[in-house]
Amino acid sequence: MKKTTLIATALVTVFTASSAFAWWGDNDRGDGRHCMEGNRSGQFMKGEHGKRGMMGKNFKEHMNREFSANEIRTLNEARLIMQGNPNVKVGKVTSTKDGYNVTIVTKDNSLVKEMVLAKNGMPLERYNMIKERIEAKEKK
């Protein structure tokens, strides 16, 4: 029962985070353009007045959120469940100075992918790029 509740909570969190970060799925351009272009529904980062490009209050909360290693593992397990590939699983989740290293492995522990994530679960490179944009906008 406890694991089912944990996975259900993780799925809700994943759906919320995926709309904010858009890194699940086919948005692996790596240049961060999706942040200003909008997600598939065109609603990403609309502020209180509905103007595109304004960062909403919730976005800053997502950027400042910090997950534990166990929560990062759960979020990535949920992401893999959503992708529907039963042959892969989350391997090691190790804490770093800036976030976490997460390995995705096959059932026989062969490395598939290694990810470097920020403490909020975003890919670290994308997190740093967005953080720089936020800081630049706040200086203006």
N, C-alpha and C. Protein backbone atom coordinates (compact mmCIF):
# COMPACT_ATOMS: atom_id res chain seq x y z
N MET A 1 0.83 -1.19 0.00
CA MET A 1 0.00 0.00 0.00
C MET A 1 0.87 1.24 0.00
N LYS A 2 1.94 1.25 0.81
CA LYS A 2 2.80 2.41 0.92
C LYS A 2 3.49 2.71 -0.41
N LYS A 3 3.98 1.67 -1.10
CA LYS A 3 4.67 1.86 -2.38
C LYS A 3 3.69 2.37 -3.44
N THR A 4 2.46 1.87 -3.44
CA THR A 4 1.45 2.33 -4.39
C THR A 4 1.16 3.81 -4.19
N THR A 5 1.02 4.22 -2.94
CA THR A 5 0.78 5.64 -2.64
C THR A 5 1.97 6.48 -3.07
N LEU A 6 3.17 6.00 -2.83
CA LEU A 6 4.38 6.71 -3.21
C LEU A 6 4.45 6.87 -4.72
N ILE A 7 4.17 5.82 -5.46
CA ILE A 7 4.22 5.88 -6.92
C ILE A 7 3.12 6.80 -7.45
N ALA A 8 1.92 6.75 -6.86
CA ALA A 8 0.84 7.64 -7.28
C ALA A 8 1.23 9.10 -7.04
N THR A 9 1.82 9.37 -5.89
CA THR A 9 2.27 10.73 -5.58
C THR A 9 3.35 11.15 -6.56
N ALA A 10 4.25 10.24 -6.86
CA ALA A 10 5.33 10.55 -7.81
C ALA A 10 4.77 10.85 -9.19
N LEU A 11 3.77 10.09 -9.62
CA LEU A 11 3.18 10.32 -10.93
C LEU A 11 2.53 11.70 -11.01
N VAL A 12 1.84 12.09 -9.95
CA VAL A 12 1.24 13.43 -9.93
C VAL A 12 2.34 14.48 -9.99
N THR A 13 3.40 14.27 -9.23
CA THR A 13 4.52 15.22 -9.24
C THR A 13 5.17 15.26 -10.62
N VAL A 14 5.33 14.09 -11.24
CA VAL A 14 5.94 14.03 -12.56
C VAL A 14 5.10 14.79 -13.58
N PHE A 15 3.78 14.60 -13.54
CA PHE A 15 2.92 15.33 -14.47
C PHE A 15 3.04 16.83 -14.27
N THR A 16 3.10 17.26 -13.02
CA THR A 16 3.23 18.68 -12.73
C THR A 16 4.59 19.18 -13.20
N ALA A 17 5.63 18.45 -12.84
CA ALA A 17 6.98 18.87 -13.22
C ALA A 17 7.19 18.81 -14.72
N SER A 18 6.60 17.82 -15.38
CA SER A 18 6.80 17.70 -16.82
C SER A 18 6.20 18.88 -17.56
N SER A 19 5.09 19.40 -17.08
CA SER A 19 4.53 20.57 -17.74
C SER A 19 5.40 21.79 -17.50
N ALA A 20 6.09 21.84 -16.37
CA ALA A 20 6.94 22.98 -16.07
C ALA A 20 8.29 22.88 -16.77
N PHE A 21 8.84 21.70 -16.85
CA PHE A 21 10.20 21.56 -17.36
C PHE A 21 10.27 21.02 -18.78
N ALA A 22 9.22 20.36 -19.24
CA ALA A 22 9.14 19.83 -20.60
C ALA A 22 10.37 19.02 -21.00
N TRP A 23 10.92 18.24 -20.12
CA TRP A 23 12.07 17.44 -20.51
C TRP A 23 11.73 15.97 -20.65
N TRP A 24 10.49 15.60 -20.35
CA TRP A 24 10.04 14.26 -20.67
C TRP A 24 9.55 14.30 -22.10
N GLY A 25 9.84 13.30 -22.84
CA GLY A 25 9.33 13.26 -24.21
C GLY A 25 10.38 13.67 -25.20
N ASP A 26 9.96 14.42 -26.23
CA ASP A 26 10.83 14.70 -27.35
C ASP A 26 11.40 16.10 -27.34
N ASN A 27 11.56 16.72 -26.21
CA ASN A 27 12.09 18.08 -26.14
C ASN A 27 13.57 18.08 -25.80
N ASP A 28 14.34 17.21 -26.39
CA ASP A 28 15.76 17.10 -26.06
C ASP A 28 16.64 17.96 -26.96
N ARG A 29 16.17 19.14 -27.31
CA ARG A 29 16.98 20.03 -28.14
C ARG A 29 18.20 20.50 -27.38
N GLY A 30 18.08 20.66 -26.06
CA GLY A 30 19.21 21.05 -25.24
C GLY A 30 19.55 22.52 -25.27
N ASP A 31 18.86 23.31 -26.09
CA ASP A 31 19.19 24.73 -26.15
C ASP A 31 18.23 25.59 -25.35
N GLY A 32 17.21 24.99 -24.76
CA GLY A 32 16.30 25.71 -23.90
C GLY A 32 15.26 26.54 -24.63
N ARG A 33 15.22 26.49 -25.98
CA ARG A 33 14.25 27.30 -26.71
C ARG A 33 12.82 27.00 -26.33
N HIS A 34 12.55 25.76 -25.94
CA HIS A 34 11.18 25.40 -25.57
C HIS A 34 10.67 26.23 -24.40
N CYS A 35 11.58 26.74 -23.59
CA CYS A 35 11.16 27.52 -22.42
C CYS A 35 10.46 28.81 -22.83
N MET A 36 10.88 29.40 -23.92
CA MET A 36 10.28 30.65 -24.33
C MET A 36 9.23 30.45 -25.42
N GLU A 37 9.25 29.31 -26.10
CA GLU A 37 8.31 29.07 -27.19
C GLU A 37 6.97 28.57 -26.70
N GLY A 38 6.95 27.97 -25.55
CA GLY A 38 5.71 27.40 -25.05
C GLY A 38 5.71 25.90 -25.24
N ASN A 39 4.93 25.23 -24.41
CA ASN A 39 4.82 23.80 -24.57
C ASN A 39 3.81 23.49 -25.65
N ARG A 40 3.43 22.25 -25.80
CA ARG A 40 2.51 21.86 -26.87
C ARG A 40 1.20 22.63 -26.83
N SER A 41 0.76 23.03 -25.65
CA SER A 41 -0.50 23.77 -25.55
C SER A 41 -0.26 25.28 -25.53
N GLY A 42 1.01 25.70 -25.60
CA GLY A 42 1.32 27.12 -25.66
C GLY A 42 1.13 27.84 -24.34
N GLN A 43 1.10 27.13 -23.23
CA GLN A 43 0.81 27.74 -21.94
C GLN A 43 2.02 27.93 -21.06
N PHE A 44 3.19 27.49 -21.46
CA PHE A 44 4.35 27.50 -20.58
C PHE A 44 4.80 28.91 -20.26
N MET A 45 5.05 29.16 -19.00
CA MET A 45 5.62 30.38 -18.49
C MET A 45 4.77 31.62 -18.75
N LYS A 46 3.47 31.46 -18.84
CA LYS A 46 2.62 32.64 -18.94
C LYS A 46 2.44 33.20 -17.54
N GLY A 47 2.61 34.48 -17.42
CA GLY A 47 2.51 35.13 -16.13
C GLY A 47 1.06 35.41 -15.77
N GLU A 48 0.89 36.22 -14.75
CA GLU A 48 -0.45 36.53 -14.26
C GLU A 48 -1.30 37.20 -15.32
N HIS A 49 -0.69 37.95 -16.22
CA HIS A 49 -1.45 38.68 -17.22
C HIS A 49 -1.55 37.92 -18.53
N GLY A 50 -1.03 36.69 -18.59
CA GLY A 50 -1.15 35.86 -19.77
C GLY A 50 -0.17 36.21 -20.88
N LYS A 51 0.84 37.00 -20.61
CA LYS A 51 1.81 37.37 -21.63
C LYS A 51 2.88 36.30 -21.71
N ARG A 52 3.17 35.86 -22.92
CA ARG A 52 4.19 34.83 -23.11
C ARG A 52 5.55 35.39 -22.72
N GLY A 53 6.36 34.56 -22.12
CA GLY A 53 7.70 34.97 -21.75
C GLY A 53 7.81 35.46 -20.32
N MET A 54 6.70 35.76 -19.68
CA MET A 54 6.76 36.15 -18.28
C MET A 54 6.80 34.89 -17.44
N MET A 55 7.63 34.87 -16.45
CA MET A 55 7.74 33.68 -15.63
C MET A 55 6.69 33.71 -14.54
N GLY A 56 5.89 32.67 -14.49
CA GLY A 56 4.85 32.59 -13.48
C GLY A 56 5.42 32.31 -12.10
N LYS A 57 4.61 32.56 -11.10
CA LYS A 57 5.04 32.35 -9.71
C LYS A 57 5.44 30.89 -9.48
N ASN A 58 4.65 29.97 -10.02
CA ASN A 58 4.92 28.56 -9.78
C ASN A 58 6.24 28.11 -10.38
N PHE A 59 6.66 28.72 -11.47
CA PHE A 59 7.90 28.31 -12.10
C PHE A 59 9.09 28.54 -11.17
N LYS A 60 9.12 29.68 -10.51
CA LYS A 60 10.22 29.96 -9.58
C LYS A 60 10.20 28.97 -8.41
N GLU A 61 9.01 28.58 -7.99
CA GLU A 61 8.91 27.57 -6.94
C GLU A 61 9.52 26.26 -7.41
N HIS A 62 9.25 25.87 -8.67
CA HIS A 62 9.83 24.64 -9.22
C HIS A 62 11.35 24.74 -9.30
N MET A 63 11.84 25.90 -9.68
CA MET A 63 13.28 26.08 -9.80
C MET A 63 13.97 25.98 -8.44
N ASN A 64 13.32 26.44 -7.38
CA ASN A 64 13.92 26.43 -6.04
C ASN A 64 13.68 25.15 -5.27
N ARG A 65 12.84 24.28 -5.78
CA ARG A 65 12.52 23.05 -5.06
C ARG A 65 13.72 22.11 -5.04
N GLU A 66 13.88 21.42 -3.94
CA GLU A 66 14.97 20.43 -3.82
C GLU A 66 14.39 19.10 -3.39
N PHE A 67 14.73 18.07 -4.15
CA PHE A 67 14.27 16.72 -3.85
C PHE A 67 15.40 15.93 -3.18
N SER A 68 15.02 14.95 -2.39
CA SER A 68 16.00 14.04 -1.81
C SER A 68 16.39 13.00 -2.86
N ALA A 69 17.44 12.24 -2.60
CA ALA A 69 17.86 11.18 -3.52
C ALA A 69 16.75 10.16 -3.74
N ASN A 70 16.02 9.82 -2.67
CA ASN A 70 14.91 8.87 -2.81
C ASN A 70 13.80 9.44 -3.67
N GLU A 71 13.51 10.73 -3.53
CA GLU A 71 12.48 11.35 -4.35
C GLU A 71 12.91 11.42 -5.82
N ILE A 72 14.19 11.69 -6.06
CA ILE A 72 14.71 11.70 -7.43
C ILE A 72 14.58 10.31 -8.04
N ARG A 73 14.89 9.29 -7.25
CA ARG A 73 14.74 7.91 -7.74
C ARG A 73 13.28 7.64 -8.10
N THR A 74 12.36 8.02 -7.22
CA THR A 74 10.94 7.78 -7.45
C THR A 74 10.45 8.53 -8.68
N LEU A 75 10.86 9.79 -8.84
CA LEU A 75 10.46 10.56 -10.02
C LEU A 75 10.95 9.92 -11.31
N ASN A 76 12.17 9.43 -11.30
CA ASN A 76 12.70 8.80 -12.51
C ASN A 76 12.09 7.44 -12.75
N GLU A 77 11.76 6.70 -11.70
CA GLU A 77 11.05 5.44 -11.87
C GLU A 77 9.68 5.70 -12.49
N ALA A 78 9.00 6.75 -12.02
CA ALA A 78 7.69 7.10 -12.58
C ALA A 78 7.82 7.51 -14.04
N ARG A 79 8.86 8.26 -14.37
CA ARG A 79 9.08 8.67 -15.76
C ARG A 79 9.27 7.45 -16.65
N LEU A 80 10.03 6.47 -16.16
CA LEU A 80 10.23 5.24 -16.94
C LEU A 80 8.93 4.46 -17.09
N ILE A 81 8.11 4.44 -16.05
CA ILE A 81 6.81 3.78 -16.14
C ILE A 81 5.96 4.46 -17.20
N MET A 82 5.97 5.79 -17.21
CA MET A 82 5.19 6.54 -18.19
C MET A 82 5.67 6.28 -19.61
N GLN A 83 6.97 6.07 -19.79
CA GLN A 83 7.51 5.79 -21.11
C GLN A 83 7.18 4.38 -21.57
N GLY A 84 6.83 3.52 -20.63
CA GLY A 84 6.36 2.18 -20.97
C GLY A 84 7.44 1.21 -21.42
N ASN A 85 8.66 1.36 -20.98
CA ASN A 85 9.72 0.43 -21.34
C ASN A 85 10.04 -0.44 -20.13
N PRO A 86 9.53 -1.67 -20.08
CA PRO A 86 9.75 -2.52 -18.91
C PRO A 86 11.16 -3.10 -18.82
N ASN A 87 11.98 -2.89 -19.83
CA ASN A 87 13.33 -3.45 -19.83
C ASN A 87 14.37 -2.56 -19.17
N VAL A 88 13.99 -1.36 -18.75
CA VAL A 88 14.94 -0.47 -18.09
C VAL A 88 14.45 -0.11 -16.70
N LYS A 89 15.42 0.29 -15.88
CA LYS A 89 15.11 0.68 -14.50
C LYS A 89 16.12 1.72 -14.06
N VAL A 90 15.85 2.36 -12.94
CA VAL A 90 16.79 3.31 -12.37
C VAL A 90 17.87 2.52 -11.65
N GLY A 91 19.11 2.85 -11.97
CA GLY A 91 20.24 2.20 -11.31
C GLY A 91 20.63 2.97 -10.07
N LYS A 92 21.83 3.55 -10.09
CA LYS A 92 22.32 4.31 -8.95
C LYS A 92 21.87 5.76 -9.01
N VAL A 93 21.56 6.30 -7.86
CA VAL A 93 21.29 7.72 -7.70
C VAL A 93 22.30 8.21 -6.67
N THR A 94 23.24 9.03 -7.12
CA THR A 94 24.26 9.52 -6.21
C THR A 94 24.18 11.04 -6.12
N SER A 95 24.37 11.52 -4.92
CA SER A 95 24.31 12.95 -4.66
C SER A 95 25.61 13.60 -5.07
N THR A 96 25.52 14.80 -5.65
CA THR A 96 26.68 15.60 -6.02
C THR A 96 26.54 16.97 -5.38
N LYS A 97 27.51 17.82 -5.59
CA LYS A 97 27.45 19.18 -5.04
C LYS A 97 26.26 19.96 -5.61
N ASP A 98 25.99 19.78 -6.90
CA ASP A 98 24.94 20.54 -7.57
C ASP A 98 23.62 19.81 -7.72
N GLY A 99 23.59 18.51 -7.42
CA GLY A 99 22.36 17.76 -7.62
C GLY A 99 22.58 16.26 -7.48
N TYR A 100 22.30 15.55 -8.58
CA TYR A 100 22.37 14.08 -8.55
C TYR A 100 22.85 13.52 -9.88
N ASN A 101 23.56 12.41 -9.80
CA ASN A 101 23.86 11.60 -10.97
C ASN A 101 22.92 10.40 -10.91
N VAL A 102 22.22 10.15 -12.00
CA VAL A 102 21.26 9.06 -12.05
C VAL A 102 21.61 8.19 -13.25
N THR A 103 21.70 6.89 -13.01
CA THR A 103 21.94 5.97 -14.12
C THR A 103 20.66 5.21 -14.41
N ILE A 104 20.41 5.05 -15.70
CA ILE A 104 19.31 4.21 -16.17
C ILE A 104 19.96 2.97 -16.75
N VAL A 105 19.53 1.81 -16.28
CA VAL A 105 20.15 0.55 -16.68
C VAL A 105 19.08 -0.42 -17.16
N THR A 106 19.54 -1.46 -17.87
CA THR A 106 18.62 -2.52 -18.27
C THR A 106 18.41 -3.44 -17.07
N LYS A 107 17.52 -4.38 -17.21
CA LYS A 107 17.24 -5.31 -16.10
C LYS A 107 18.48 -6.11 -15.71
N ASP A 108 19.42 -6.32 -16.67
CA ASP A 108 20.66 -7.04 -16.33
C ASP A 108 21.78 -6.07 -15.95
N ASN A 109 21.44 -4.81 -15.61
CA ASN A 109 22.34 -3.77 -15.12
C ASN A 109 23.34 -3.25 -16.16
N SER A 110 23.04 -3.37 -17.44
CA SER A 110 23.86 -2.73 -18.47
C SER A 110 23.46 -1.26 -18.55
N LEU A 111 24.46 -0.39 -18.60
CA LEU A 111 24.19 1.05 -18.63
C LEU A 111 23.49 1.45 -19.91
N VAL A 112 22.39 2.18 -19.77
CA VAL A 112 21.65 2.71 -20.91
C VAL A 112 21.92 4.20 -21.04
N LYS A 113 21.88 4.89 -19.91
CA LYS A 113 21.99 6.36 -19.93
C LYS A 113 22.41 6.84 -18.56
N GLU A 114 23.22 7.89 -18.55
CA GLU A 114 23.57 8.53 -17.29
C GLU A 114 23.12 9.98 -17.37
N MET A 115 22.41 10.43 -16.34
CA MET A 115 21.88 11.78 -16.32
C MET A 115 22.49 12.55 -15.16
N VAL A 116 22.74 13.83 -15.40
CA VAL A 116 23.19 14.74 -14.35
C VAL A 116 22.03 15.70 -14.11
N LEU A 117 21.45 15.61 -12.92
CA LEU A 117 20.26 16.38 -12.60
C LEU A 117 20.53 17.40 -11.52
N ALA A 118 19.81 18.51 -11.59
CA ALA A 118 19.85 19.51 -10.52
C ALA A 118 19.06 18.97 -9.34
N LYS A 119 19.10 19.66 -8.23
CA LYS A 119 18.40 19.21 -7.03
C LYS A 119 16.88 19.21 -7.20
N ASN A 120 16.38 19.95 -8.21
CA ASN A 120 14.94 19.96 -8.45
C ASN A 120 14.52 18.91 -9.48
N GLY A 121 15.45 18.11 -9.96
CA GLY A 121 15.13 17.03 -10.87
C GLY A 121 15.31 17.36 -12.34
N MET A 122 15.58 18.62 -12.67
CA MET A 122 15.81 19.01 -14.06
C MET A 122 17.22 18.60 -14.48
N PRO A 123 17.43 18.37 -15.79
CA PRO A 123 18.81 18.19 -16.24
C PRO A 123 19.62 19.41 -15.83
N LEU A 124 20.80 19.18 -15.26
CA LEU A 124 21.59 20.26 -14.67
C LEU A 124 21.93 21.34 -15.69
N GLU A 125 22.27 20.96 -16.90
CA GLU A 125 22.61 21.95 -17.92
C GLU A 125 21.42 22.87 -18.21
N ARG A 126 20.25 22.31 -18.34
CA ARG A 126 19.05 23.10 -18.61
C ARG A 126 18.70 23.97 -17.40
N TYR A 127 18.84 23.42 -16.21
CA TYR A 127 18.58 24.17 -14.98
C TYR A 127 19.47 25.41 -14.92
N ASN A 128 20.78 25.24 -15.18
CA ASN A 128 21.71 26.37 -15.13
C ASN A 128 21.38 27.42 -16.18
N MET A 129 20.98 26.98 -17.37
CA MET A 129 20.64 27.91 -18.44
C MET A 129 19.41 28.74 -18.05
N ILE A 130 18.40 28.09 -17.52
CA ILE A 130 17.17 28.80 -17.13
C ILE A 130 17.46 29.72 -15.95
N LYS A 131 18.25 29.25 -15.02
CA LYS A 131 18.61 30.07 -13.85
C LYS A 131 19.34 31.35 -14.29
N GLU A 132 20.23 31.23 -15.25
CA GLU A 132 20.93 32.40 -15.78
C GLU A 132 19.95 33.38 -16.43
N ARG A 133 18.98 32.86 -17.16
CA ARG A 133 17.97 33.72 -17.79
C ARG A 133 17.14 34.45 -16.74
N ILE A 134 16.76 33.73 -15.70
CA ILE A 134 15.98 34.35 -14.63
C ILE A 134 16.79 35.48 -13.98
N GLU A 135 18.06 35.19 -13.67
CA GLU A 135 18.91 36.21 -13.03
C GLU A 135 19.10 37.42 -13.94
N ALA A 136 19.26 37.19 -15.24
CA ALA A 136 19.44 38.30 -16.19
C ALA A 136 18.17 39.16 -16.24
N LYS A 137 17.01 38.52 -16.24
CA LYS A 137 15.75 39.27 -16.28
C LYS A 137 15.53 40.07 -14.99
N GLU A 138 15.94 39.50 -13.87
CA GLU A 138 15.76 40.19 -12.59
C GLU A 138 16.69 41.39 -12.46
N LYS A 139 17.84 41.37 -13.15
CA LYS A 139 18.77 42.49 -13.10
C LYS A 139 18.27 43.69 -13.88
N LYS A 140 17.42 43.44 -14.86
CA LYS A 140 16.91 44.53 -15.71
C LYS A 140 15.94 45.39 -15.01
